[in-house]
Amino acid sequence: MLGFSSSGLLGSYSQLHYGYLPDALVDLTGGVVTIINLHSSPFDLLTTVKTAIQAGSMVACATENGLTEEAKVMENGLVSQHAYTVTGAEKIQYQGRWEDIIRLWNPWGKTEWKGRWKDGSKEWRETHDPRKSQLYENKEDGEFWMSCQDFQENFSCLFICNQIPITMDHGVTPNESWRQMRFTNQVISRNRAGGHGRDMQYVFSVQEHTAGNNVVVAFTIMPQSLNTEEERFPLQFQVFKVPQFQNVQGRLPPAFFSPFRSAAQGTKYVSKCNFTKSFHLNPGTYVVVTTANGKEVEFLLRIFLKMPDKHRDPSSNFNLRALKESLPENGSRNSISYTYMDQGLDIDATQLQSLLNQEFLTGPPGDTFSLDQCQSIMALMDLKVNGRLDQEEFARLRSRLIHCQHIFQSIQRRPGVLLSSDLWKVIENTDFLVGIFISSELLSLMALRYSDSSGRVSFPTLVCFLIRLETMAKAFRNLSKDGKGIYLTETEWMNLVMYS
């Protein structure tokens, strides 16, 4: 997950020491945290953990404070006042029944749980589950299993951090699509006499009905606005529904704000520098109104809006004609893709093919993007590995397509004709390939792979080549520990080379 810069936001990673766990997750990843009370929330722990991890979430938990403020190893092997990473959850066969177990990792290493399902326990010795060799390894590496029952007795909260909200009202749904409104470097002065004169107002709209919580409001306070001795969160906010007849072009007047207009209360969590609240709101226009608790506060506000199911249903109709009709006559060449990004729609390979062939072609009429090429591009750009491109992923692809157009047009020998012998020149002039080196031998292979019998490289083929080259080079760097080589299991290797 892409996150804030820790050095820019907090000063350094050392500032996270002995902080609030959800704050650390937000600061490190830039995501949004869902907090689950293990003692009161009715939910399926096993399914929650498995699905959250599958969705690419960071999942963590923490033990309660001990008798002192220092972290101490307890008799059961757990460390008091200590954060753990949750790395897995499974059902396992034991004594003729199924038992739910959960896997944790202690960043200290070695210090591990001493109860049921610990490393070397009789439970692991006696189980005949065929997956035992895949799940269990007796090593003092800080990672261990425990029963879900023991987990809930020793931990009070589960923290799930993702780039998008993970709502729990209808279970964890990793393919939910959310649009984000982001307001950075916001500054609010202390609230003075006269009511809402100093309030900050942020307007958003809910377009259609969706199931469960469909709006998440998340505040992050900048460190210079925090007082280490202050107990309460330095901001307050409410969400109000705006009547259809109300003009929201300017600031709403103080007379507008009535308790009766306040939106329904939602679930929330508050920590030292983060406040997140989830709502289920009917279609309409709303305004977030925030005030400071007696001092100037600088903050980041993010409003997440859940998109209707049809925007992520592969069988849905992605109507490019309707998008075109909604554009002004003097719209730019790439206005349709801008409109798509503004609407925050997810897109599958078939929809991507329609969009690329209408918006980004460069070359003869026959040089169109095939479905196979679009499926390949989709797999290379699909960071969440769900077979679709979200708003952020498509924006990243779009910037590369525009650059590829410029490169193709500037290096082509004649209109629509780029020769494989000029691929080295293409690589040298491609901004997103800076720092990537390929040998002359590999370049020759690429010329054979990506050109036709006459040595010509079409624009769609060039796009596939450049995006694959960037992705594979970055994959090596991410997987290599020394920059010289990588070690992959057969499954990891097959996942890498087959879905790309």
Protein backbone atom coordinates (compact mmCIF):
# COMPACT_ATOMS: atom_id res chain seq x y z
CA MET A 1 0.00 0.00 0.00
CA LEU A 2 1.21 3.46 -0.83
CA GLY A 3 1.44 5.66 2.23
CA PHE A 4 2.43 8.98 3.64
CA SER A 5 6.12 9.79 4.01
CA SER A 6 6.98 8.97 7.61
CA SER A 7 9.83 11.47 7.61
CA GLY A 8 7.55 14.17 6.20
CA LEU A 9 4.57 13.49 8.45
CA LEU A 10 6.16 12.63 11.78
CA GLY A 11 9.83 13.52 11.46
CA SER A 12 11.19 9.94 11.57
CA TYR A 13 10.17 6.34 12.20
CA SER A 14 11.39 6.69 15.80
CA GLN A 15 8.34 8.89 16.47
CA LEU A 16 6.18 5.76 16.14
CA HIS A 17 7.83 4.18 19.20
CA TYR A 18 5.24 3.41 21.90
CA GLY A 19 2.53 5.15 19.89
CA TYR A 20 -1.00 4.09 19.10
CA LEU A 21 -1.06 1.03 16.86
CA PRO A 22 -3.79 2.30 14.47
CA ASP A 23 -1.92 5.60 14.15
CA ALA A 24 1.24 3.73 13.19
CA LEU A 25 -0.64 1.74 10.53
CA VAL A 26 -2.06 4.91 8.99
CA ASP A 27 1.27 6.76 9.14
CA LEU A 28 3.19 3.89 7.53
CA THR A 29 0.70 3.04 4.77
CA GLY A 30 -1.56 6.03 4.19
CA GLY A 31 -4.50 3.64 4.50
CA VAL A 32 -7.64 3.70 6.59
CA VAL A 33 -8.09 1.50 9.67
CA THR A 34 -11.11 -0.56 10.70
CA ILE A 35 -11.09 -1.50 14.38
CA ILE A 36 -12.98 -4.61 15.47
CA ASN A 37 -13.85 -5.16 19.12
CA LEU A 38 -13.15 -8.85 19.67
CA HIS A 39 -15.39 -8.98 22.74
CA SER A 40 -18.56 -7.32 21.45
CA SER A 41 -18.68 -7.38 17.66
CA PRO A 42 -20.66 -10.31 16.22
CA PHE A 43 -18.42 -11.52 13.40
CA ASP A 44 -16.60 -14.56 12.02
CA LEU A 45 -12.97 -14.05 13.08
CA LEU A 46 -11.58 -16.73 10.76
CA THR A 47 -13.33 -15.40 7.64
CA THR A 48 -12.55 -11.81 8.57
CA VAL A 49 -8.80 -12.41 8.88
CA LYS A 50 -8.50 -14.62 5.79
CA THR A 51 -10.46 -12.28 3.55
CA ALA A 52 -8.77 -9.12 4.87
CA ILE A 53 -5.32 -10.60 4.21
CA GLN A 54 -6.44 -11.77 0.77
CA ALA A 55 -7.51 -8.17 0.06
CA GLY A 56 -3.94 -7.01 0.76
CA SER A 57 -4.67 -5.55 4.19
CA MET A 58 -2.25 -5.16 7.06
CA VAL A 59 -3.83 -6.89 10.07
CA ALA A 60 -2.53 -6.29 13.58
CA CYS A 61 -3.48 -6.59 17.25
CA ALA A 62 -2.03 -5.58 20.60
CA THR A 63 -2.01 -6.95 24.13
CA GLU A 64 -3.28 -4.95 27.11
CA ASN A 65 -1.03 -2.94 29.42
CA GLY A 66 0.64 -4.80 32.27
CA LEU A 67 1.20 -3.62 35.84
CA THR A 68 3.92 -1.24 34.59
CA GLU A 69 4.24 0.86 31.45
CA GLU A 70 7.05 -1.35 30.17
CA ALA A 71 6.51 -4.30 27.84
CA LYS A 72 7.05 -7.54 29.80
CA VAL A 73 7.00 -11.20 28.75
CA MET A 74 4.07 -12.87 30.53
CA GLU A 75 3.81 -16.50 31.69
CA ASN A 76 1.87 -17.48 28.56
CA GLY A 77 4.68 -16.18 26.31
CA LEU A 78 2.86 -13.10 25.10
CA VAL A 79 4.33 -9.66 25.72
CA SER A 80 2.22 -7.08 27.55
CA GLN A 81 1.56 -3.71 25.89
CA HIS A 82 2.94 -5.09 22.62
CA ALA A 83 1.88 -5.06 18.96
CA TYR A 84 1.62 -8.26 16.88
CA THR A 85 1.04 -8.80 13.16
CA VAL A 86 -1.72 -11.25 12.18
CA THR A 87 -0.42 -13.32 9.25
CA GLY A 88 -3.05 -15.99 8.72
CA ALA A 89 -6.06 -17.97 9.91
CA GLU A 90 -7.22 -21.50 9.10
CA LYS A 91 -9.58 -24.34 10.02
CA ILE A 92 -7.60 -27.43 10.95
CA GLN A 93 -8.63 -31.03 11.67
CA TYR A 94 -8.00 -32.06 15.26
CA GLN A 95 -9.41 -35.01 17.22
CA GLY A 96 -12.21 -35.63 14.75
CA ARG A 97 -13.43 -32.03 14.55
CA TRP A 98 -12.51 -28.70 13.03
CA GLU A 99 -10.74 -26.05 15.09
CA ASP A 100 -10.16 -22.40 14.14
CA ILE A 101 -6.57 -21.24 14.59
CA ILE A 102 -4.87 -17.91 13.92
CA ARG A 103 -1.22 -17.12 13.15
CA LEU A 104 0.62 -14.17 14.70
CA TRP A 105 4.11 -12.75 14.38
CA ASN A 106 6.02 -11.03 17.19
CA PRO A 107 8.43 -8.49 15.65
CA TRP A 108 10.81 -9.15 18.55
CA GLY A 109 11.36 -12.66 17.20
CA LYS A 110 11.78 -15.83 19.29
CA THR A 111 9.40 -14.78 22.12
CA GLU A 112 6.30 -16.80 21.30
CA TRP A 113 2.97 -18.07 22.68
CA LYS A 114 3.21 -21.02 25.10
CA GLY A 115 -0.39 -22.26 25.03
CA ARG A 116 -2.39 -24.54 22.72
CA TRP A 117 -1.10 -24.79 19.12
CA LYS A 118 2.28 -23.33 20.10
CA ASP A 119 5.36 -24.51 18.20
CA GLY A 120 6.09 -28.12 19.22
CA SER A 121 2.69 -28.55 20.93
CA LYS A 122 0.83 -31.83 21.19
CA GLU A 123 -1.88 -30.31 18.99
CA TRP A 124 0.58 -30.07 16.09
CA ARG A 125 2.01 -33.52 16.84
CA GLU A 126 -1.42 -35.16 16.95
CA THR A 127 -3.17 -33.46 14.05
CA HIS A 128 -3.54 -35.49 10.87
CA ASP A 129 -4.57 -32.56 8.72
CA PRO A 130 -2.95 -33.03 5.27
CA ARG A 131 -1.97 -29.31 5.21
CA LYS A 132 0.15 -29.61 8.34
CA SER A 133 3.47 -29.38 6.47
CA GLN A 134 2.28 -26.25 4.65
CA LEU A 135 1.00 -24.45 7.74
CA TYR A 136 3.44 -25.40 10.46
CA GLU A 137 7.18 -25.04 10.93
CA ASN A 138 8.81 -25.36 14.36
CA LYS A 139 11.16 -22.38 14.33
CA GLU A 140 12.00 -19.71 16.88
CA ASP A 141 11.25 -16.87 14.50
CA GLY A 142 8.53 -15.06 16.45
CA GLU A 143 5.70 -16.51 14.33
CA PHE A 144 3.26 -18.89 16.00
CA TRP A 145 -0.28 -20.28 15.93
CA MET A 146 -2.90 -20.14 18.66
CA SER A 147 -6.57 -21.06 18.82
CA CYS A 148 -9.05 -18.32 17.90
CA GLN A 149 -10.62 -18.81 21.34
CA ASP A 150 -7.29 -18.12 23.08
CA PHE A 151 -6.72 -15.18 20.76
CA GLN A 152 -10.00 -13.53 21.73
CA GLU A 153 -9.25 -14.11 25.41
CA ASN A 154 -5.85 -12.42 25.21
CA PHE A 155 -6.51 -9.60 22.71
CA SER A 156 -9.31 -7.05 22.73
CA CYS A 157 -9.12 -5.44 19.27
CA LEU A 158 -8.24 -6.36 15.71
CA PHE A 159 -6.91 -3.60 13.44
CA ILE A 160 -7.40 -3.94 9.67
CA CYS A 161 -5.61 -1.36 7.52
CA ASN A 162 -6.18 -1.02 3.78
CA GLN A 163 -6.10 1.65 1.09
CA ILE A 164 -9.88 1.42 1.03
CA PRO A 165 -12.25 0.95 3.99
CA ILE A 166 -13.03 -2.61 5.04
CA THR A 167 -16.61 -2.41 6.27
CA MET A 168 -17.80 -5.11 8.65
CA ASP A 169 -21.58 -4.66 8.47
CA HIS A 170 -21.91 -7.19 5.63
CA GLY A 171 -18.67 -9.06 6.22
CA VAL A 172 -15.33 -8.34 4.59
CA THR A 173 -15.75 -7.78 0.86
CA PRO A 174 -12.33 -7.30 -0.75
CA ASN A 175 -13.70 -6.27 -4.16
CA GLU A 176 -15.69 -3.30 -2.87
CA SER A 177 -15.04 -0.18 -4.91
CA TRP A 178 -14.57 3.18 -3.20
CA ARG A 179 -13.97 6.70 -4.49
CA GLN A 180 -11.83 8.99 -2.34
CA MET A 181 -12.10 12.75 -1.86
CA ARG A 182 -8.90 14.11 -0.32
CA PHE A 183 -8.36 17.49 1.34
CA THR A 184 -4.71 18.08 2.31
CA ASN A 185 -3.06 20.78 4.43
CA GLN A 186 -6.34 21.97 5.92
CA VAL A 187 -6.04 24.51 8.75
CA ILE A 188 -8.86 25.44 11.12
CA SER A 189 -8.70 28.16 13.75
CA ARG A 190 -10.18 27.87 17.23
CA ASN A 191 -13.93 28.21 17.42
CA ARG A 192 -14.87 31.73 18.54
CA ALA A 193 -18.12 33.22 19.84
CA GLY A 194 -20.68 33.50 17.08
CA GLY A 195 -21.23 29.84 16.26
CA HIS A 196 -20.09 28.45 12.93
CA GLY A 197 -18.12 31.40 11.58
CA ARG A 198 -14.86 29.43 11.83
CA ASP A 199 -16.25 26.06 10.79
CA MET A 200 -14.75 24.25 7.78
CA GLN A 201 -17.30 22.80 5.34
CA TYR A 202 -16.78 19.96 2.85
CA VAL A 203 -19.59 18.96 0.48
CA PHE A 204 -20.01 15.47 -1.02
CA SER A 205 -22.77 13.52 -2.74
CA VAL A 206 -24.08 9.97 -2.42
CA GLN A 207 -25.30 9.06 -5.90
CA GLU A 208 -27.08 5.73 -5.45
CA HIS A 209 -28.22 3.26 -2.80
CA THR A 210 -25.56 0.79 -1.64
CA ALA A 211 -25.63 -1.89 1.05
CA GLY A 212 -24.18 -1.29 4.51
CA ASN A 213 -21.93 1.59 5.48
CA ASN A 214 -21.24 3.57 2.32
CA VAL A 215 -19.44 6.71 3.57
CA VAL A 216 -16.28 6.83 5.68
CA VAL A 217 -14.93 10.14 7.00
CA ALA A 218 -11.30 9.98 8.17
CA PHE A 219 -9.32 12.80 9.82
CA THR A 220 -5.55 12.69 10.37
CA ILE A 221 -4.03 15.41 12.56
CA MET A 222 -0.62 16.77 11.61
CA PRO A 223 2.00 16.29 14.39
CA GLN A 224 2.59 19.99 14.96
CA SER A 225 -1.07 20.29 16.02
CA LEU A 226 -0.81 17.54 18.65
CA ASN A 227 -0.30 18.16 22.34
CA THR A 228 1.20 15.17 24.14
CA GLU A 229 -0.63 16.11 27.36
CA GLU A 230 -4.03 16.58 25.72
CA GLU A 231 -6.38 13.65 26.16
CA ARG A 232 -9.18 14.46 23.73
CA PHE A 233 -9.07 14.59 19.94
CA PRO A 234 -8.49 18.22 18.83
CA LEU A 235 -11.33 18.29 16.25
CA GLN A 236 -15.08 17.74 16.28
CA PHE A 237 -17.26 17.20 13.23
CA GLN A 238 -20.80 16.42 12.13
CA VAL A 239 -22.34 15.36 8.82
CA PHE A 240 -25.48 17.21 7.71
CA LYS A 241 -27.84 16.42 4.84
CA VAL A 242 -28.46 19.32 2.47
CA PRO A 243 -32.05 19.74 1.14
CA GLN A 244 -32.49 19.59 -2.63
CA PHE A 245 -33.50 23.26 -2.83
CA GLN A 246 -30.43 24.45 -0.85
CA ASN A 247 -27.66 26.22 -2.82
CA VAL A 248 -24.31 24.69 -1.87
CA GLN A 249 -22.09 26.73 -4.18
CA GLY A 250 -20.90 28.88 -1.26
CA ARG A 251 -20.72 28.42 2.50
CA LEU A 252 -23.87 27.27 4.22
CA PRO A 253 -25.13 29.89 6.71
CA PRO A 254 -25.15 29.26 10.50
CA ALA A 255 -28.98 29.12 10.45
CA PHE A 256 -28.79 25.98 8.30
CA PHE A 257 -27.16 23.83 10.98
CA SER A 258 -29.89 22.20 13.02
CA PRO A 259 -29.55 19.02 15.11
CA PHE A 260 -32.46 17.63 13.10
CA ARG A 261 -30.39 17.77 9.90
CA SER A 262 -27.46 15.86 11.37
CA ALA A 263 -26.89 12.55 9.58
CA ALA A 264 -27.46 9.27 11.38
CA GLN A 265 -24.73 8.33 13.84
CA GLY A 266 -22.23 5.79 12.57
CA THR A 267 -19.54 3.54 13.95
CA LYS A 268 -16.27 5.28 14.78
CA TYR A 269 -12.79 4.93 16.19
CA VAL A 270 -10.61 7.59 17.76
CA SER A 271 -6.89 7.45 18.49
CA LYS A 272 -4.25 10.05 19.24
CA CYS A 273 -4.12 11.58 15.76
CA ASN A 274 -6.78 9.75 13.71
CA PHE A 275 -10.57 9.89 13.82
CA THR A 276 -12.56 7.64 11.49
CA LYS A 277 -16.33 7.32 11.32
CA SER A 278 -18.49 5.17 9.04
CA PHE A 279 -22.04 6.00 7.93
CA HIS A 280 -24.88 4.51 5.93
CA LEU A 281 -26.37 7.47 4.05
CA ASN A 282 -29.21 7.63 1.54
CA PRO A 283 -28.64 9.30 -1.85
CA GLY A 284 -28.34 13.06 -1.56
CA THR A 285 -25.96 15.93 -0.90
CA TYR A 286 -24.16 16.17 2.45
CA VAL A 287 -21.71 18.49 4.15
CA VAL A 288 -19.00 17.65 6.70
CA VAL A 289 -18.70 20.50 9.20
CA THR A 290 -15.70 20.50 11.52
CA THR A 291 -14.55 22.75 14.38
CA ALA A 292 -11.44 22.89 16.55
CA ASN A 293 -11.42 22.34 20.30
CA GLY A 294 -9.89 25.67 21.27
CA LYS A 295 -6.74 25.89 19.14
CA GLU A 296 -5.49 26.01 15.56
CA VAL A 297 -5.30 22.57 14.00
CA GLU A 298 -3.78 21.36 10.70
CA PHE A 299 -5.21 18.14 9.31
CA LEU A 300 -5.84 15.83 6.36
CA LEU A 301 -9.45 14.90 5.58
CA ARG A 302 -10.39 11.91 3.45
CA ILE A 303 -13.99 11.09 2.52
CA PHE A 304 -14.50 7.59 1.08
CA LEU A 305 -17.66 6.96 -0.96
CA LYS A 306 -18.69 3.39 -1.78
CA MET A 307 -19.51 2.86 -5.45
CA PRO A 308 -22.62 0.85 -6.43
CA ASP A 309 -22.10 -2.82 -7.27
CA LYS A 310 -22.71 -2.24 -10.97
CA HIS A 311 -19.44 -0.27 -11.19
CA ARG A 312 -17.47 -3.41 -10.33
CA ASP A 313 -19.65 -6.05 -11.98
CA PRO A 314 -17.81 -7.50 -15.00
CA SER A 315 -21.13 -7.90 -16.83
CA SER A 316 -22.12 -4.25 -16.33
CA ASN A 317 -22.47 -1.96 -19.35
CA PHE A 318 -19.57 0.48 -19.56
CA ASN A 319 -21.25 2.99 -21.85
CA LEU A 320 -18.57 5.01 -23.65
CA ARG A 321 -21.17 6.57 -25.93
CA ALA A 322 -23.03 7.96 -22.93
CA LEU A 323 -19.78 9.34 -21.57
CA LYS A 324 -19.04 11.01 -24.92
CA GLU A 325 -22.49 12.58 -25.04
CA SER A 326 -21.93 14.09 -21.59
CA LEU A 327 -18.77 15.92 -22.72
CA PRO A 328 -18.55 19.45 -24.11
CA GLU A 329 -18.06 19.66 -27.89
CA ASN A 330 -14.62 21.20 -27.45
CA GLY A 331 -13.50 18.44 -25.07
CA SER A 332 -9.91 17.28 -25.33
CA ARG A 333 -8.82 14.01 -26.94
CA ASN A 334 -8.63 12.23 -23.58
CA SER A 335 -11.75 13.73 -21.99
CA ILE A 336 -13.51 10.36 -21.81
CA SER A 337 -10.77 8.88 -19.66
CA TYR A 338 -10.87 11.99 -17.45
CA THR A 339 -14.62 11.51 -17.05
CA TYR A 340 -14.08 7.85 -16.16
CA MET A 341 -11.57 8.80 -13.44
CA ASP A 342 -13.89 11.50 -12.06
CA GLN A 343 -16.68 8.92 -11.73
CA GLY A 344 -14.33 6.48 -9.98
CA LEU A 345 -15.48 3.46 -11.98
CA ASP A 346 -13.70 0.12 -11.92
CA ILE A 347 -12.95 -1.34 -15.33
CA ASP A 348 -12.34 -4.88 -16.63
CA ALA A 349 -10.31 -6.01 -19.66
CA THR A 350 -13.22 -5.84 -22.13
CA GLN A 351 -14.12 -2.33 -21.03
CA LEU A 352 -10.44 -1.34 -21.15
CA GLN A 353 -10.24 -2.58 -24.75
CA SER A 354 -13.21 -0.38 -25.77
CA LEU A 355 -11.74 2.67 -24.07
CA LEU A 356 -8.20 2.26 -25.45
CA ASN A 357 -9.38 1.69 -29.01
CA GLN A 358 -11.48 4.86 -28.89
CA GLU A 359 -9.05 7.10 -27.04
CA PHE A 360 -5.41 6.11 -27.37
CA LEU A 361 -4.72 4.61 -30.80
CA THR A 362 -1.68 5.85 -32.70
CA GLY A 363 -0.98 4.32 -36.11
CA PRO A 364 -2.88 2.67 -38.99
CA PRO A 365 -6.60 1.83 -38.48
CA GLY A 366 -5.84 -1.89 -38.24
CA ASP A 367 -3.49 -1.49 -35.27
CA THR A 368 -6.04 -1.90 -32.49
CA PHE A 369 -5.72 -3.26 -28.97
CA SER A 370 -6.77 -6.91 -28.88
CA LEU A 371 -8.57 -8.41 -25.89
CA ASP A 372 -5.50 -10.53 -25.13
CA GLN A 373 -3.29 -7.42 -25.06
CA CYS A 374 -5.75 -5.65 -22.77
CA GLN A 375 -5.87 -8.68 -20.46
CA SER A 376 -2.07 -8.59 -20.33
CA ILE A 377 -2.02 -4.84 -19.59
CA MET A 378 -4.72 -5.39 -16.96
CA ALA A 379 -2.68 -8.07 -15.20
CA LEU A 380 0.47 -5.92 -15.22
CA MET A 381 -1.28 -2.85 -13.75
CA ASP A 382 -3.66 -4.73 -11.41
CA LEU A 383 -1.96 -4.15 -8.06
CA LYS A 384 -4.89 -5.51 -6.05
CA VAL A 385 -5.01 -8.68 -8.20
CA ASN A 386 -8.80 -8.63 -8.61
CA GLY A 387 -9.05 -8.56 -12.40
CA ARG A 388 -10.06 -4.89 -12.55
CA LEU A 389 -8.45 -1.45 -12.55
CA ASP A 390 -9.65 1.04 -9.96
CA GLN A 391 -9.43 4.81 -10.26
CA GLU A 392 -5.82 5.02 -9.03
CA GLU A 393 -4.60 2.08 -11.14
CA PHE A 394 -6.23 3.44 -14.29
CA ALA A 395 -4.80 6.92 -13.69
CA ARG A 396 -1.33 5.34 -13.48
CA LEU A 397 -1.95 3.41 -16.73
CA ARG A 398 -3.31 6.50 -18.46
CA SER A 399 -0.17 8.52 -17.71
CA ARG A 400 1.92 5.74 -19.28
CA LEU A 401 -0.31 5.56 -22.35
CA ILE A 402 0.06 9.27 -22.99
CA HIS A 403 3.84 9.00 -22.63
CA CYS A 404 3.87 5.98 -24.97
CA GLN A 405 1.93 8.02 -27.55
CA HIS A 406 4.52 10.78 -27.39
CA ILE A 407 7.43 8.33 -27.70
CA PHE A 408 5.83 6.45 -30.62
CA GLN A 409 5.09 9.65 -32.55
CA SER A 410 8.54 11.15 -31.99
CA ILE A 411 10.55 8.05 -32.95
CA GLN A 412 8.42 6.54 -35.76
CA ARG A 413 10.14 6.48 -39.19
CA ARG A 414 6.92 7.49 -40.95
CA PRO A 415 3.33 7.86 -39.72
CA GLY A 416 2.35 4.68 -37.89
CA VAL A 417 5.64 2.85 -38.53
CA LEU A 418 8.04 2.12 -35.65
CA LEU A 419 10.83 -0.35 -36.39
CA SER A 420 12.17 -2.92 -33.93
CA SER A 421 15.69 -1.58 -34.55
CA ASP A 422 14.58 1.62 -32.81
CA LEU A 423 13.49 -0.07 -29.58
CA TRP A 424 16.74 0.96 -27.86
CA LYS A 425 15.89 4.58 -28.66
CA VAL A 426 12.38 4.07 -27.25
CA ILE A 427 13.76 2.70 -23.97
CA GLU A 428 16.25 5.59 -23.64
CA ASN A 429 13.43 8.14 -24.01
CA THR A 430 10.80 6.51 -21.78
CA ASP A 431 10.56 8.37 -18.47
CA PHE A 432 9.07 5.50 -16.45
CA LEU A 433 11.99 3.23 -17.46
CA VAL A 434 14.69 5.48 -16.00
CA GLY A 435 17.27 3.33 -14.17
CA ILE A 436 16.26 0.11 -15.95
CA PHE A 437 19.06 -1.49 -17.98
CA ILE A 438 18.65 -4.28 -20.52
CA SER A 439 21.44 -6.03 -22.37
CA SER A 440 21.83 -6.05 -26.16
CA GLU A 441 21.03 -9.77 -26.06
CA LEU A 442 17.71 -9.14 -24.31
CA LEU A 443 16.96 -6.24 -26.66
CA SER A 444 17.41 -8.58 -29.63
CA LEU A 445 15.03 -11.08 -28.07
CA MET A 446 12.48 -8.32 -27.46
CA ALA A 447 12.75 -7.25 -31.09
CA LEU A 448 11.86 -10.80 -32.14
CA ARG A 449 9.06 -11.04 -29.57
CA TYR A 450 7.33 -7.72 -30.21
CA SER A 451 7.73 -7.07 -33.96
CA ASP A 452 6.00 -8.54 -37.01
CA SER A 453 7.70 -10.29 -39.94
CA SER A 454 8.66 -6.93 -41.48
CA GLY A 455 10.26 -5.68 -38.24
CA ARG A 456 7.43 -3.23 -37.45
CA VAL A 457 6.19 -2.65 -33.89
CA SER A 458 2.57 -1.48 -33.56
CA PHE A 459 1.51 1.03 -30.93
CA PRO A 460 -0.56 -1.50 -28.88
CA THR A 461 2.39 -3.91 -28.96
CA LEU A 462 4.78 -1.15 -27.86
CA VAL A 463 2.53 -0.34 -24.90
CA CYS A 464 2.53 -4.00 -23.80
CA PHE A 465 6.33 -4.18 -24.16
CA LEU A 466 7.11 -1.03 -22.18
CA ILE A 467 4.67 -1.75 -19.35
CA ARG A 468 5.89 -5.34 -19.04
CA LEU A 469 9.52 -4.21 -19.00
CA GLU A 470 8.81 -1.73 -16.19
CA THR A 471 6.75 -4.21 -14.14
CA MET A 472 9.21 -7.11 -14.41
CA ALA A 473 12.20 -4.90 -13.55
CA LYS A 474 10.44 -3.56 -10.47
CA ALA A 475 9.29 -7.06 -9.48
CA PHE A 476 12.91 -8.24 -9.47
CA ARG A 477 14.02 -5.30 -7.32
CA ASN A 478 11.20 -5.88 -4.85
CA LEU A 479 11.92 -9.62 -4.56
CA SER A 480 15.72 -9.48 -4.54
CA LYS A 481 17.43 -9.11 -1.19
CA ASP A 482 20.90 -8.36 -2.58
CA GLY A 483 20.07 -6.95 -6.01
CA LYS A 484 21.77 -9.93 -7.67
CA GLY A 485 19.20 -12.71 -7.55
CA ILE A 486 15.90 -13.92 -6.13
CA TYR A 487 14.54 -17.12 -4.64
CA LEU A 488 10.94 -18.10 -5.37
CA THR A 489 8.87 -21.15 -4.59
CA GLU A 490 7.26 -22.89 -7.56
CA THR A 491 3.89 -21.38 -6.62
CA GLU A 492 5.32 -17.85 -6.37
CA TRP A 493 7.10 -18.25 -9.69
CA MET A 494 3.98 -19.53 -11.45
CA ASN A 495 1.84 -16.73 -9.99
CA LEU A 496 4.37 -14.14 -11.19
CA VAL A 497 4.85 -15.37 -14.75
CA MET A 498 1.32 -16.60 -15.50
CA TYR A 499 -0.67 -13.59 -14.24
CA SER A 500 1.16 -10.85 -16.15
